[in-house]
Amino acid sequence: MKKTFKLEGLNCANCLAKMERKISKLKGVTNVSSNFFTAKMIIEADEDFMPEIEEAASKIVKKYEPQVVFTVE
């Protein structure tokens, strides 16, 4: 399953790279790609784990950039 997320208020490309690395290590995630200029992140993962992955990814995003609004596109 593939989902695209919008990262509204993203300010730091380096922080985005760190988020991507952390999210890629979550259980069930097969691929993560992000683009700083479009402020989007695509997460590919096992459908059964997606609700937990979304919740964990949101927490990871908030850790690096607390002002970012992380929503499904």
PDB file of N, CA and C in Angstrom:
ATOM      1  N   MET A   1       0.842  -1.177   0.000  1.00  0.00           N
ATOM      2  CA  MET A   1       0.000   0.000   0.000  1.00  0.00           C
ATOM      3  C   MET A   1       0.887   1.240   0.000  1.00  0.00           C
ATOM      4  N   LYS A   2       0.480   2.232  -0.778  1.00  0.00           N
ATOM      5  CA  LYS A   2       1.251   3.469  -0.883  1.00  0.00           C
ATOM      6  C   LYS A   2       0.355   4.636  -0.490  1.00  0.00           C
ATOM      7  N   LYS A   3       0.867   5.507   0.393  1.00  0.00           N
ATOM      8  CA  LYS A   3       0.126   6.698   0.798  1.00  0.00           C
ATOM      9  C   LYS A   3       1.020   7.918   0.677  1.00  0.00           C
ATOM     10  N   THR A   4       0.424   9.030   0.254  1.00  0.00           N
ATOM     11  CA  THR A   4       1.144  10.295   0.132  1.00  0.00           C
ATOM     12  C   THR A   4       0.687  11.223   1.250  1.00  0.00           C
ATOM     13  N   PHE A   5       1.656  11.857   1.891  1.00  0.00           N
ATOM     14  CA  PHE A   5       1.375  12.767   3.002  1.00  0.00           C
ATOM     15  C   PHE A   5       1.904  14.153   2.674  1.00  0.00           C
ATOM     16  N   LYS A   6       1.176  15.161   3.107  1.00  0.00           N
ATOM     17  CA  LYS A   6       1.574  16.560   2.954  1.00  0.00           C
ATOM     18  C   LYS A   6       2.196  17.007   4.268  1.00  0.00           C
ATOM     19  N   LEU A   7       3.300  17.719   4.182  1.00  0.00           N
ATOM     20  CA  LEU A   7       4.006  18.222   5.358  1.00  0.00           C
ATOM     21  C   LEU A   7       3.930  19.750   5.348  1.00  0.00           C
ATOM     22  N   GLU A   8       2.798  20.277   5.790  1.00  0.00           N
ATOM     23  CA  GLU A   8       2.582  21.721   5.763  1.00  0.00           C
ATOM     24  C   GLU A   8       3.422  22.408   6.837  1.00  0.00           C
ATOM     25  N   GLY A   9       4.178  23.422   6.429  1.00  0.00           N
ATOM     26  CA  GLY A   9       5.001  24.178   7.361  1.00  0.00           C
ATOM     27  C   GLY A   9       6.417  23.657   7.501  1.00  0.00           C
ATOM     28  N   LEU A  10       6.814  22.761   6.602  1.00  0.00           N
ATOM     29  CA  LEU A  10       8.161  22.181   6.640  1.00  0.00           C
ATOM     30  C   LEU A  10       9.210  23.247   6.335  1.00  0.00           C
ATOM     31  N   ASN A  11      10.250  23.333   7.182  1.00  0.00           N
ATOM     32  CA  ASN A  11      11.281  24.362   7.021  1.00  0.00           C
ATOM     33  C   ASN A  11      12.689  23.841   6.784  1.00  0.00           C
ATOM     34  N   CYS A  12      12.939  22.560   7.045  1.00  0.00           N
ATOM     35  CA  CYS A  12      14.313  22.070   7.104  1.00  0.00           C
ATOM     36  C   CYS A  12      14.485  20.793   6.277  1.00  0.00           C
ATOM     37  N   ALA A  13      15.282  20.887   5.215  1.00  0.00           N
ATOM     38  CA  ALA A  13      15.535  19.716   4.365  1.00  0.00           C
ATOM     39  C   ALA A  13      16.297  18.634   5.123  1.00  0.00           C
ATOM     40  N   ASN A  14      17.225  19.033   5.970  1.00  0.00           N
ATOM     41  CA  ASN A  14      17.990  18.074   6.758  1.00  0.00           C
ATOM     42  C   ASN A  14      17.073  17.312   7.723  1.00  0.00           C
ATOM     43  N   CYS A  15      16.143  18.032   8.336  1.00  0.00           N
ATOM     44  CA  CYS A  15      15.185  17.391   9.245  1.00  0.00           C
ATOM     45  C   CYS A  15      14.317  16.388   8.484  1.00  0.00           C
ATOM     46  N   LEU A  16      13.930  16.740   7.264  1.00  0.00           N
ATOM     47  CA  LEU A  16      13.123  15.842   6.444  1.00  0.00           C
ATOM     48  C   LEU A  16      13.888  14.552   6.158  1.00  0.00           C
ATOM     49  N   ALA A  17      15.178  14.661   5.882  1.00  0.00           N
ATOM     50  CA  ALA A  17      16.007  13.469   5.639  1.00  0.00           C
ATOM     51  C   ALA A  17      16.063  12.592   6.881  1.00  0.00           C
ATOM     52  N   LYS A  18      16.166  13.213   8.055  1.00  0.00           N
ATOM     53  CA  LYS A  18      16.186  12.455   9.306  1.00  0.00           C
ATOM     54  C   LYS A  18      14.848  11.760   9.534  1.00  0.00           C
ATOM     55  N   MET A  19      13.750  12.463   9.256  1.00  0.00           N
ATOM     56  CA  MET A  19      12.411  11.864   9.394  1.00  0.00           C
ATOM     57  C   MET A  19      12.296  10.647   8.489  1.00  0.00           C
ATOM     58  N   GLU A  20      12.737  10.810   7.251  1.00  0.00           N
ATOM     59  CA  GLU A  20      12.650   9.729   6.272  1.00  0.00           C
ATOM     60  C   GLU A  20      13.412   8.491   6.760  1.00  0.00           C
ATOM     61  N   ARG A  21      14.621   8.703   7.271  1.00  0.00           N
ATOM     62  CA  ARG A  21      15.428   7.569   7.775  1.00  0.00           C
ATOM     63  C   ARG A  21      14.725   6.863   8.928  1.00  0.00           C
ATOM     64  N   LYS A  22      14.183   7.632   9.877  1.00  0.00           N
ATOM     65  CA  LYS A  22      13.509   7.032  11.044  1.00  0.00           C
ATOM     66  C   LYS A  22      12.259   6.268  10.624  1.00  0.00           C
ATOM     67  N   ILE A  23      11.462   6.875   9.750  1.00  0.00           N
ATOM     68  CA  ILE A  23      10.212   6.243   9.311  1.00  0.00           C
ATOM     69  C   ILE A  23      10.503   4.977   8.522  1.00  0.00           C
ATOM     70  N   SER A  24      11.571   4.974   7.744  1.00  0.00           N
ATOM     71  CA  SER A  24      11.912   3.790   6.939  1.00  0.00           C
ATOM     72  C   SER A  24      12.229   2.572   7.805  1.00  0.00           C
ATOM     73  N   LYS A  25      12.572   2.800   9.079  1.00  0.00           N
ATOM     74  CA  LYS A  25      12.913   1.696   9.980  1.00  0.00           C
ATOM     75  C   LYS A  25      11.704   1.140  10.736  1.00  0.00           C
ATOM     76  N   LEU A  26      10.533   1.759  10.555  1.00  0.00           N
ATOM     77  CA  LEU A  26       9.336   1.277  11.247  1.00  0.00           C
ATOM     78  C   LEU A  26       8.917  -0.084  10.693  1.00  0.00           C
ATOM     79  N   LYS A  27       8.348  -0.903  11.562  1.00  0.00           N
ATOM     80  CA  LYS A  27       7.894  -2.244  11.164  1.00  0.00           C
ATOM     81  C   LYS A  27       6.815  -2.141  10.087  1.00  0.00           C
ATOM     82  N   GLY A  28       7.017  -2.873   8.997  1.00  0.00           N
ATOM     83  CA  GLY A  28       6.049  -2.923   7.914  1.00  0.00           C
ATOM     84  C   GLY A  28       6.343  -1.966   6.771  1.00  0.00           C
ATOM     85  N   VAL A  29       7.246  -1.007   6.977  1.00  0.00           N
ATOM     86  CA  VAL A  29       7.568  -0.028   5.932  1.00  0.00           C
ATOM     87  C   VAL A  29       8.514  -0.659   4.917  1.00  0.00           C
ATOM     88  N   THR A  30       8.165  -0.539   3.638  1.00  0.00           N
ATOM     89  CA  THR A  30       9.025  -1.075   2.583  1.00  0.00           C
ATOM     90  C   THR A  30       9.811   0.024   1.875  1.00  0.00           C
ATOM     91  N   ASN A  31       9.238   1.246   1.825  1.00  0.00           N
ATOM     92  CA  ASN A  31       9.943   2.349   1.170  1.00  0.00           C
ATOM     93  C   ASN A  31       9.375   3.684   1.645  1.00  0.00           C
ATOM     94  N   VAL A  32      10.258   4.669   1.757  1.00  0.00           N
ATOM     95  CA  VAL A  32       9.856   6.034   2.091  1.00  0.00           C
ATOM     96  C   VAL A  32      10.607   6.964   1.154  1.00  0.00           C
ATOM     97  N   SER A  33       9.880   7.880   0.541  1.00  0.00           N
ATOM     98  CA  SER A  33      10.536   8.904  -0.269  1.00  0.00           C
ATOM     99  C   SER A  33       9.878  10.240   0.054  1.00  0.00           C
ATOM    100  N   SER A  34      10.687  11.283   0.005  1.00  0.00           N
ATOM    101  CA  SER A  34      10.160  12.604   0.331  1.00  0.00           C
ATOM    102  C   SER A  34      10.784  13.644  -0.570  1.00  0.00           C
ATOM    103  N   ASN A  35      10.104  14.780  -0.660  1.00  0.00           N
ATOM    104  CA  ASN A  35      10.583  15.881  -1.473  1.00  0.00           C
ATOM    105  C   ASN A  35      10.389  17.172  -0.686  1.00  0.00           C
ATOM    106  N   PHE A  36      11.478  17.832  -0.376  1.00  0.00           N
ATOM    107  CA  PHE A  36      11.422  19.062   0.421  1.00  0.00           C
ATOM    108  C   PHE A  36      10.667  20.166  -0.313  1.00  0.00           C
ATOM    109  N   PHE A  37      10.871  20.284  -1.619  1.00  0.00           N
ATOM    110  CA  PHE A  37      10.281  21.387  -2.380  1.00  0.00           C
ATOM    111  C   PHE A  37       8.771  21.268  -2.537  1.00  0.00           C
ATOM    112  N   THR A  38       8.268  20.036  -2.607  1.00  0.00           N
ATOM    113  CA  THR A  38       6.812  19.848  -2.691  1.00  0.00           C
ATOM    114  C   THR A  38       6.208  19.607  -1.310  1.00  0.00           C
ATOM    115  N   ALA A  39       7.076  19.406  -0.302  1.00  0.00           N
ATOM    116  CA  ALA A  39       6.653  19.112   1.078  1.00  0.00           C
ATOM    117  C   ALA A  39       5.738  17.894   1.121  1.00  0.00           C
ATOM    118  N   LYS A  40       6.172  16.846   0.417  1.00  0.00           N
ATOM    119  CA  LYS A  40       5.399  15.603   0.383  1.00  0.00           C
ATOM    120  C   LYS A  40       6.277  14.421   0.770  1.00  0.00           C
ATOM    121  N   MET A  41       5.629  13.433   1.359  1.00  0.00           N
ATOM    122  CA  MET A  41       6.301  12.188   1.721  1.00  0.00           C
ATOM    123  C   MET A  41       5.415  11.035   1.278  1.00  0.00           C
ATOM    124  N   ILE A  42       6.024  10.057   0.622  1.00  0.00           N
ATOM    125  CA  ILE A  42       5.301   8.865   0.198  1.00  0.00           C
ATOM    126  C   ILE A  42       5.814   7.698   1.029  1.00  0.00           C
ATOM    127  N   ILE A  43       4.880   7.014   1.674  1.00  0.00           N
ATOM    128  CA  ILE A  43       5.231   5.850   2.489  1.00  0.00           C
ATOM    129  C   ILE A  43       4.592   4.622   1.855  1.00  0.00           C
ATOM    130  N   GLU A  44       5.428   3.634   1.563  1.00  0.00           N
ATOM    131  CA  GLU A  44       4.947   2.345   1.073  1.00  0.00           C
ATOM    132  C   GLU A  44       5.120   1.346   2.203  1.00  0.00           C
ATOM    133  N   ALA A  45       4.028   0.631   2.511  1.00  0.00           N
ATOM    134  CA  ALA A  45       4.081  -0.274   3.647  1.00  0.00           C
ATOM    135  C   ALA A  45       3.013  -1.347   3.537  1.00  0.00           C
ATOM    136  N   ASP A  46       3.168  -2.352   4.365  1.00  0.00           N
ATOM    137  CA  ASP A  46       2.177  -3.413   4.495  1.00  0.00           C
ATOM    138  C   ASP A  46       0.869  -2.776   4.972  1.00  0.00           C
ATOM    139  N   GLU A  47      -0.206  -3.054   4.287  1.00  0.00           N
ATOM    140  CA  GLU A  47      -1.507  -2.445   4.602  1.00  0.00           C
ATOM    141  C   GLU A  47      -1.935  -2.703   6.046  1.00  0.00           C
ATOM    142  N   ASP A  48      -1.600  -3.875   6.578  1.00  0.00           N
ATOM    143  CA  ASP A  48      -1.986  -4.227   7.950  1.00  0.00           C
ATOM    144  C   ASP A  48      -1.334  -3.326   8.992  1.00  0.00           C
ATOM    145  N   PHE A  49      -0.164  -2.789   8.684  1.00  0.00           N
ATOM    146  CA  PHE A  49       0.565  -1.957   9.634  1.00  0.00           C
ATOM    147  C   PHE A  49       0.344  -0.455   9.426  1.00  0.00           C
ATOM    148  N   MET A  50      -0.349  -0.076   8.351  1.00  0.00           N
ATOM    149  CA  MET A  50      -0.446   1.335   7.987  1.00  0.00           C
ATOM    150  C   MET A  50      -1.004   2.245   9.092  1.00  0.00           C
ATOM    151  N   PRO A  51      -2.054   1.865   9.829  1.00  0.00           N
ATOM    152  CA  PRO A  51      -2.529   2.771  10.896  1.00  0.00           C
ATOM    153  C   PRO A  51      -1.455   3.062  11.945  1.00  0.00           C
ATOM    154  N   GLU A  52      -0.708   2.043  12.358  1.00  0.00           N
ATOM    155  CA  GLU A  52       0.364   2.224  13.341  1.00  0.00           C
ATOM    156  C   GLU A  52       1.508   3.045  12.750  1.00  0.00           C
ATOM    157  N   ILE A  53       1.804   2.807  11.486  1.00  0.00           N
ATOM    158  CA  ILE A  53       2.879   3.534  10.813  1.00  0.00           C
ATOM    159  C   ILE A  53       2.524   5.016  10.713  1.00  0.00           C
ATOM    160  N   GLU A  54       1.285   5.321  10.352  1.00  0.00           N
ATOM    161  CA  GLU A  54       0.853   6.726  10.256  1.00  0.00           C
ATOM    162  C   GLU A  54       1.002   7.436  11.595  1.00  0.00           C
ATOM    163  N   GLU A  55       0.584   6.763  12.659  1.00  0.00           N
ATOM    164  CA  GLU A  55       0.675   7.355  13.997  1.00  0.00           C
ATOM    165  C   GLU A  55       2.135   7.583  14.396  1.00  0.00           C
ATOM    166  N   ALA A  56       2.970   6.569  14.180  1.00  0.00           N
ATOM    167  CA  ALA A  56       4.391   6.683  14.527  1.00  0.00           C
ATOM    168  C   ALA A  56       5.077   7.739  13.661  1.00  0.00           C
ATOM    169  N   ALA A  57       4.745   7.783  12.375  1.00  0.00           N
ATOM    170  CA  ALA A  57       5.347   8.762  11.472  1.00  0.00           C
ATOM    171  C   ALA A  57       4.987  10.181  11.901  1.00  0.00           C
ATOM    172  N   SER A  58       3.757  10.377  12.312  1.00  0.00           N
ATOM    173  CA  SER A  58       3.323  11.693  12.781  1.00  0.00           C
ATOM    174  C   SER A  58       4.142  12.137  13.989  1.00  0.00           C
ATOM    175  N   LYS A  59       4.392  11.218  14.905  1.00  0.00           N
ATOM    176  CA  LYS A  59       5.193  11.531  16.095  1.00  0.00           C
ATOM    177  C   LYS A  59       6.643  11.851  15.713  1.00  0.00           C
ATOM    178  N   ILE A  60       7.184  11.126  14.757  1.00  0.00           N
ATOM    179  CA  ILE A  60       8.558  11.373  14.299  1.00  0.00           C
ATOM    180  C   ILE A  60       8.645  12.759  13.659  1.00  0.00           C
ATOM    181  N   VAL A  61       7.678  13.092  12.834  1.00  0.00           N
ATOM    182  CA  VAL A  61       7.656  14.406  12.184  1.00  0.00           C
ATOM    183  C   VAL A  61       7.618  15.509  13.237  1.00  0.00           C
ATOM    184  N   LYS A  62       6.741  15.354  14.235  1.00  0.00           N
ATOM    185  CA  LYS A  62       6.592  16.368  15.294  1.00  0.00           C
ATOM    186  C   LYS A  62       7.868  16.501  16.131  1.00  0.00           C
ATOM    187  N   LYS A  63       8.622  15.420  16.267  1.00  0.00           N
ATOM    188  CA  LYS A  63       9.860  15.466  17.036  1.00  0.00           C
ATOM    189  C   LYS A  63      10.871  16.411  16.371  1.00  0.00           C
ATOM    190  N   TYR A  64      10.967  16.337  15.044  1.00  0.00           N
ATOM    191  CA  TYR A  64      11.951  17.150  14.324  1.00  0.00           C
ATOM    192  C   TYR A  64      11.439  18.538  13.963  1.00  0.00           C
ATOM    193  N   GLU A  65      10.161  18.629  13.636  1.00  0.00           N
ATOM    194  CA  GLU A  65       9.567  19.911  13.224  1.00  0.00           C
ATOM    195  C   GLU A  65       8.176  20.008  13.867  1.00  0.00           C
ATOM    196  N   PRO A  66       8.094  20.474  15.116  1.00  0.00           N
ATOM    197  CA  PRO A  66       6.823  20.505  15.858  1.00  0.00           C
ATOM    198  C   PRO A  66       5.697  21.284  15.173  1.00  0.00           C
ATOM    199  N   GLN A  67       6.033  22.254  14.341  1.00  0.00           N
ATOM    200  CA  GLN A  67       5.004  23.085  13.704  1.00  0.00           C
ATOM    201  C   GLN A  67       4.375  22.434  12.463  1.00  0.00           C
ATOM    202  N   VAL A  68       4.944  21.353  11.976  1.00  0.00           N
ATOM    203  CA  VAL A  68       4.476  20.732  10.742  1.00  0.00           C
ATOM    204  C   VAL A  68       3.137  20.017  10.960  1.00  0.00           C
ATOM    205  N   VAL A  69       2.234  20.242   9.990  1.00  0.00           N
ATOM    206  CA  VAL A  69       0.963  19.529   9.973  1.00  0.00           C
ATOM    207  C   VAL A  69       1.123  18.371   8.992  1.00  0.00           C
ATOM    208  N   PHE A  70       0.994  17.142   9.512  1.00  0.00           N
ATOM    209  CA  PHE A  70       1.232  15.914   8.757  1.00  0.00           C
ATOM    210  C   PHE A  70      -0.129  15.307   8.405  1.00  0.00           C
ATOM    211  N   THR A  71      -0.522  15.404   7.139  1.00  0.00           N
ATOM    212  CA  THR A  71      -1.844  14.924   6.727  1.00  0.00           C
ATOM    213  C   THR A  71      -1.765  14.065   5.479  1.00  0.00           C
ATOM    214  N   VAL A  72      -2.735  13.173   5.333  1.00  0.00           N
ATOM    215  CA  VAL A  72      -2.838  12.353   4.122  1.00  0.00           C
ATOM    216  C   VAL A  72      -3.303  13.255   2.995  1.00  0.00           C
ATOM    217  N   GLU A  73      -2.661  13.130   1.871  1.00  0.00           N
ATOM    218  CA  GLU A  73      -3.049  13.964   0.726  1.00  0.00           C
ATOM    219  C   GLU A  73      -4.224  13.359   0.004  1.00  0.00           C
TER     220      GLU A  73
END
